[in-house]
Each structure stands twice: as structure tokens, then as C-alpha cells.
């Protein structure tokens, strides 16, 4: 054992002398890179999570956020009001339909496709495709009839055709329970389907035409001609239910 190395029980370092470290080629401060200067810990602490959101930072309280449906532009009271006005084709209130929207039509298309699916028919793509073509067809026909006075836009066409689709949804829902009410071999069942389908087409056509008359300028002059494309649109949808 070297003479300059001695056991020390008082906590002293036997190699504290700098000359001895330099002679041996050791660094007298080997752990300088491990500097744990934390500073003010309370200043860099993350914001505490409260029951309604972050108490600090860029996030506000959840109670200040608007509802999700409002952010998406979906108003259930407006959709309900527009639907109720369409249910009576003889007394149309045009005020709820001044602003067109797609929320209600999408709901009715999904319900229509769901009723068809329950009946064993997968028509979601057909319904969406026919709706797009029907709206384009109504848009072109009306603006050609109105000429320079044509002011019907495609967005309103989709909205009107979709809201008047509520009767097709009811017909499709009724057709699910019709085989259970009557025997499948009963001749009355086939006749009843055609009768209900015809009444539904007339109901949808009347509602859509009445809304066009009161919402679009110069539509009343071409009421009979506008009813023709509307009738063709809903005849196509009724065929999905009947067959």
C-alpha cells in the first residue's frame, strides 16, 4: 500500500491535493457536467388540472365552449320546425325555410336508408346518388323555365328535396310492418303498396312545389311545369320502397 494513501474515517478525501491529481492525470472535478441547477421549480411547474379544464395555459374552461351541434351548424329546433311545416302540404309556412341547410336532409336520407336496410335492401348509395341527380335535375329545369329570372341555387334544391323526403321515410317504415299485418300471398298487400306509394308521391310533390312557389321568385308562374320534375323525383324514390 502506498504511503500517501491512508484510510480516513472523518470524511476527508485522501486525494484532495491538486498536485497529486495532476501528477496522476486525473480530473479533480470529474462530475462538473452533472450540474443540477433547478432554479425556481414553482415557476416552471405545469398548470394544474381543475374539474372544468386547465387553470392556466391556452385552454379555456369547458363551460365557455359552445355545444358541439352549434359548432357544426346543426340546430335541432330548426330541423323540427321545418319538418313540421312540410307535414301539411296545404298550409306551408315558408319562414323556417328561408335559410337552406343540409342537416335535416342528411338525417332523412339516413333514416330512409336505415328503413330500407331493415327491410333487407341496401340502398344507401342509390339514395345518395339519386338525391344528387334529382337536385341537379330540378335546378336545371327550373332555371331553364325561369330564364333570366331564375334564382334557384343548387343548395336550396338539395334542402327542399331532402325535407320533403320525410313522407318517403314514413312509407318505407310502414312497408316494414306491412307483411306482418297482411299475408304475403294476399293480393291486397300489392294493391295497398301501389296506393300508398301514389299518395306519398303526390304528397311529396305538393309540398316541394308549394315551397318553391313561396321561396323562389317567379316560381308561381311555372307551378305546373315545376311539379313535373318534382313528381319524377319522388316516383323514383317510391320505386325503391315498392320493389
Protein backbone atom coordinates (compact mmCIF):
# COMPACT_ATOMS: atom_id res chain seq x y z
CA UNK A 1 0.00 0.00 0.00
CA UNK A 2 1.25 3.49 -0.88
CA UNK A 3 2.37 5.66 2.00
CA UNK A 4 0.34 8.72 0.90
CA UNK A 5 -2.87 6.72 0.81
CA UNK A 6 -4.45 6.38 4.19
CA UNK A 7 -7.82 5.41 5.40
CA UNK A 8 -9.78 8.34 6.69
CA UNK A 9 -12.86 7.89 8.78
CA UNK A 10 -13.67 11.59 9.20
CA UNK A 11 -14.99 12.03 5.61
CA UNK A 12 -11.79 13.57 4.18
CA UNK A 13 -10.67 12.75 0.65
CA UNK A 14 -7.21 11.24 0.60
CA UNK A 15 -6.63 12.71 -2.88
CA UNK A 16 -7.70 16.31 -2.17
CA UNK A 17 -4.32 17.72 -3.15
CA UNK A 18 -4.38 19.11 -6.70
CA UNK A 19 -0.77 18.22 -7.36
CA UNK A 20 -1.42 14.56 -6.81
CA UNK A 21 -4.36 14.62 -9.32
CA UNK A 22 -2.31 16.42 -11.94
CA UNK A 23 0.58 14.01 -11.47
CA UNK A 24 -1.70 11.02 -11.98
CA UNK A 25 -3.57 12.65 -14.93
CA UNK A 26 -6.97 12.68 -13.21
CA UNK A 27 -9.56 15.42 -13.36
CA UNK A 28 -10.00 16.91 -9.92
CA UNK A 29 -13.68 17.71 -10.72
CA UNK A 30 -14.97 14.69 -12.66
CA UNK A 31 -18.69 15.44 -12.17
CA UNK A 32 -18.92 19.07 -13.27
CA UNK A 33 -21.17 18.12 -16.22
CA UNK A 34 -23.78 16.81 -13.77
CA UNK A 35 -24.99 20.20 -12.64
CA UNK A 36 -28.49 20.04 -11.21
CA UNK A 37 -29.38 23.72 -11.06
CA UNK A 38 -33.18 23.50 -10.98
CA UNK A 39 -33.76 27.18 -10.34
CA UNK A 40 -37.24 28.19 -9.34
CA UNK A 41 -39.27 24.98 -9.56
CA UNK A 42 -42.60 26.67 -8.89
CA UNK A 43 -42.21 28.99 -11.90
CA UNK A 44 -41.88 26.15 -14.44
CA UNK A 45 -44.48 23.83 -12.93
CA UNK A 46 -47.28 22.81 -15.35
CA UNK A 47 -50.75 24.25 -14.80
CA UNK A 48 -52.95 22.26 -12.51
CA UNK A 49 -55.94 20.45 -13.96
CA UNK A 50 -59.19 21.64 -12.48
CA UNK A 51 -62.57 19.95 -12.70
CA UNK A 52 -63.62 22.17 -15.64
CA UNK A 53 -60.33 22.28 -17.56
CA UNK A 54 -56.88 23.84 -17.30
CA UNK A 55 -56.46 26.64 -14.80
CA UNK A 56 -53.72 28.16 -16.94
CA UNK A 57 -52.24 27.94 -20.42
CA UNK A 58 -54.07 28.42 -23.73
CA UNK A 59 -57.15 26.35 -22.91
CA UNK A 60 -60.28 27.94 -21.52
CA UNK A 61 -62.80 26.35 -19.27
CA UNK A 62 -65.10 23.80 -20.87
CA UNK A 63 -68.13 25.71 -19.71
CA UNK A 64 -67.16 28.57 -22.07
CA UNK A 65 -67.12 26.28 -25.11
CA UNK A 66 -70.24 26.25 -27.35
CA UNK A 67 -72.13 22.96 -27.80
CA UNK A 68 -70.84 20.56 -30.43
CA UNK A 69 -74.02 20.72 -32.54
CA UNK A 70 -73.81 24.51 -32.58
CA UNK A 71 -70.21 24.37 -33.77
CA UNK A 72 -71.26 22.01 -36.57
CA UNK A 73 -74.13 24.29 -37.57
CA UNK A 74 -76.85 21.78 -36.61
CA UNK A 75 -79.93 23.17 -34.90
CA UNK A 76 -82.40 20.52 -33.78
CA UNK A 77 -85.24 23.05 -33.11
CA UNK A 78 -84.90 24.47 -36.63
CA UNK A 79 -84.90 20.99 -38.18
CA UNK A 80 -88.02 20.09 -36.17
CA UNK A 81 -89.78 23.30 -37.18
CA UNK A 82 -89.02 22.82 -40.87
CA UNK A 83 -90.18 19.23 -40.73
CA UNK A 84 -93.50 20.18 -39.13
CA UNK A 85 -94.17 22.78 -41.81
CA UNK A 86 -93.64 20.19 -44.55
CA UNK A 87 -96.04 17.68 -43.00
CA UNK A 88 -99.03 19.81 -44.01
CA UNK A 89 -98.71 20.49 -47.75
CA UNK A 90 -101.87 22.63 -47.84
CA UNK A 91 -100.65 25.22 -45.31
CA UNK A 92 -96.98 25.80 -45.97
CA UNK A 93 -95.14 28.21 -43.68
CA UNK A 94 -92.09 29.42 -45.65
CA UNK A 95 -90.44 31.29 -42.78
CA UNK A 96 -88.43 28.32 -41.36
CA UNK A 97 -87.16 27.51 -44.87
CA UNK A 98 -85.71 30.94 -45.63
CA UNK A 99 -82.25 29.59 -44.79
CA UNK A 100 -81.49 26.30 -46.51
CA UNK A 101 -79.46 23.64 -44.72
CA UNK A 102 -78.28 20.07 -45.26
CA UNK A 103 -78.54 18.77 -41.70
CA UNK A 104 -82.21 17.79 -41.93
CA UNK A 105 -81.96 16.23 -45.42
CA UNK A 106 -78.99 14.11 -44.38
CA UNK A 107 -80.93 12.85 -41.34
CA UNK A 108 -83.91 11.90 -43.52
CA UNK A 109 -81.71 10.19 -46.11
CA UNK A 110 -80.05 8.13 -43.40
CA UNK A 111 -83.43 7.20 -41.90
CA UNK A 112 -84.71 6.26 -45.34
CA UNK A 113 -81.69 4.05 -45.97
CA UNK A 114 -81.98 2.53 -42.49
CA UNK A 115 -85.63 1.59 -43.06
CA UNK A 116 -84.68 0.04 -46.37
CA UNK A 117 -81.86 -1.85 -44.67
CA UNK A 118 -84.25 -3.26 -42.07
CA UNK A 119 -86.44 -4.41 -44.95
CA UNK A 120 -83.47 -6.28 -46.47
CA UNK A 121 -82.47 -3.67 -49.10
CA UNK A 122 -79.11 -1.90 -49.10
CA UNK A 123 -79.83 1.40 -50.87
CA UNK A 124 -77.60 3.95 -49.14
CA UNK A 125 -75.51 4.60 -52.24
CA UNK A 126 -78.55 4.61 -54.51
CA UNK A 127 -80.36 7.13 -52.31
CA UNK A 128 -77.34 9.44 -52.19
CA UNK A 129 -76.78 9.20 -55.95
CA UNK A 130 -80.41 9.72 -56.86
CA UNK A 131 -80.66 12.68 -54.49
CA UNK A 132 -77.71 14.38 -56.15
CA UNK A 133 -79.06 13.74 -59.64
CA UNK A 134 -82.58 14.82 -58.61
CA UNK A 135 -81.32 18.10 -57.18
CA UNK A 136 -79.26 18.80 -60.32
CA UNK A 137 -82.28 17.94 -62.48
CA UNK A 138 -84.61 20.26 -60.55
CA UNK A 139 -82.02 23.03 -60.57
CA UNK A 140 -81.52 22.86 -64.35
CA UNK A 141 -85.21 22.52 -65.24
CA UNK A 142 -86.38 25.40 -63.06
CA UNK A 143 -83.67 27.81 -64.16
CA UNK A 144 -84.34 26.95 -67.80
CA UNK A 145 -88.04 27.66 -67.28
CA UNK A 146 -87.43 30.90 -65.42
CA UNK A 147 -84.78 32.11 -67.86
CA UNK A 148 -83.12 35.34 -66.73
CA UNK A 149 -85.35 35.41 -63.65
CA UNK A 150 -84.07 32.04 -62.46
CA UNK A 151 -82.60 32.43 -58.97
CA UNK A 152 -82.85 28.90 -57.60
CA UNK A 153 -79.48 27.68 -56.35
CA UNK A 154 -78.37 24.07 -56.04
CA UNK A 155 -78.01 24.23 -52.25
CA UNK A 156 -81.69 25.13 -51.83
CA UNK A 157 -82.69 22.36 -54.23
CA UNK A 158 -80.95 19.76 -52.07
CA UNK A 159 -82.57 21.20 -48.94
CA UNK A 160 -86.12 21.22 -50.35
CA UNK A 161 -85.89 17.77 -51.91
CA UNK A 162 -84.48 16.38 -48.66
CA UNK A 163 -87.06 17.87 -46.31
CA UNK A 164 -89.94 16.68 -48.48
CA UNK A 165 -88.40 13.21 -48.29
CA UNK A 166 -89.97 12.71 -44.85
CA UNK A 167 -93.04 11.12 -46.44
CA UNK A 168 -90.87 8.51 -48.17
CA UNK A 169 -89.31 7.71 -44.80
CA UNK A 170 -92.78 7.12 -43.35
CA UNK A 171 -93.76 4.95 -46.33
CA UNK A 172 -90.57 2.92 -46.01
CA UNK A 173 -91.14 2.44 -42.27
CA UNK A 174 -94.73 1.34 -42.88
CA UNK A 175 -93.67 -1.13 -45.57
CA UNK A 176 -91.57 -2.97 -42.95
CA UNK A 177 -94.65 -3.85 -40.90
CA UNK A 178 -96.99 -4.39 -43.86
CA UNK A 179 -96.02 -8.07 -44.45
CA UNK A 180 -96.69 -8.75 -40.78
CA UNK A 181 -100.11 -7.16 -40.94
CA UNK A 182 -101.18 -8.96 -44.11
CA UNK A 183 -100.34 -12.33 -45.59
CA UNK A 184 -97.51 -12.25 -48.14
CA UNK A 185 -99.78 -14.03 -50.66
CA UNK A 186 -102.62 -11.60 -50.09
CA UNK A 187 -103.45 -9.60 -53.22
CA UNK A 188 -104.44 -6.62 -51.09
CA UNK A 189 -100.84 -6.17 -49.99
CA UNK A 190 -99.59 -5.40 -53.52
CA UNK A 191 -102.51 -3.06 -54.25
CA UNK A 192 -102.02 -1.29 -50.94
CA UNK A 193 -98.38 -0.68 -51.70
CA UNK A 194 -99.20 0.97 -55.02
CA UNK A 195 -101.95 3.10 -53.46
CA UNK A 196 -99.77 4.26 -50.58
CA UNK A 197 -96.87 4.88 -52.95
CA UNK A 198 -99.03 7.04 -55.23
CA UNK A 199 -100.38 9.06 -52.31
CA UNK A 200 -96.88 9.56 -50.96
CA UNK A 201 -95.62 10.80 -54.33
CA UNK A 202 -98.49 13.29 -54.57
CA UNK A 203 -97.86 14.44 -51.00
CA UNK A 204 -94.12 14.96 -51.58
CA UNK A 205 -94.73 16.69 -54.92
CA UNK A 206 -97.30 19.02 -53.42
CA UNK A 207 -95.01 20.01 -50.54
CA UNK A 208 -91.93 20.58 -52.70
CA UNK A 209 -93.87 22.60 -55.29
CA UNK A 210 -95.56 24.74 -52.64
CA UNK A 211 -92.22 25.54 -51.01
CA UNK A 212 -90.74 26.51 -54.36
CA UNK A 213 -93.69 28.81 -55.05
CA UNK A 214 -93.26 30.81 -51.85
CA UNK A 215 -89.48 30.76 -51.56
CA UNK A 216 -88.25 31.32 -55.12
CA UNK A 217 -89.30 34.38 -57.14
CA UNK A 218 -91.27 33.75 -60.35
CA UNK A 219 -91.85 30.11 -59.40
CA UNK A 220 -95.63 30.52 -59.25
CA UNK A 221 -95.70 31.26 -62.97
CA UNK A 222 -94.31 27.79 -63.70
CA UNK A 223 -96.03 25.86 -60.93
CA UNK A 224 -97.46 23.10 -63.15
CA UNK A 225 -94.22 22.65 -65.03
CA UNK A 226 -92.16 22.55 -61.84
CA UNK A 227 -94.47 19.90 -60.39
CA UNK A 228 -93.50 17.54 -63.24
CA UNK A 229 -89.78 17.16 -62.31
CA UNK A 230 -90.69 17.01 -58.62
CA UNK A 231 -93.13 14.17 -59.33
CA UNK A 232 -90.49 12.25 -61.30
CA UNK A 233 -88.03 12.60 -58.44
CA UNK A 234 -90.35 11.10 -55.85
CA UNK A 235 -91.66 8.42 -58.18
CA UNK A 236 -88.09 7.14 -58.45
CA UNK A 237 -87.77 7.03 -54.67
CA UNK A 238 -91.12 5.30 -54.25
CA UNK A 239 -90.00 2.53 -56.60
CA UNK A 240 -87.23 1.69 -54.14
CA UNK A 241 -89.86 1.07 -51.48
CA UNK A 242 -92.40 -0.80 -53.60
CA UNK A 243 -89.97 -3.14 -55.29
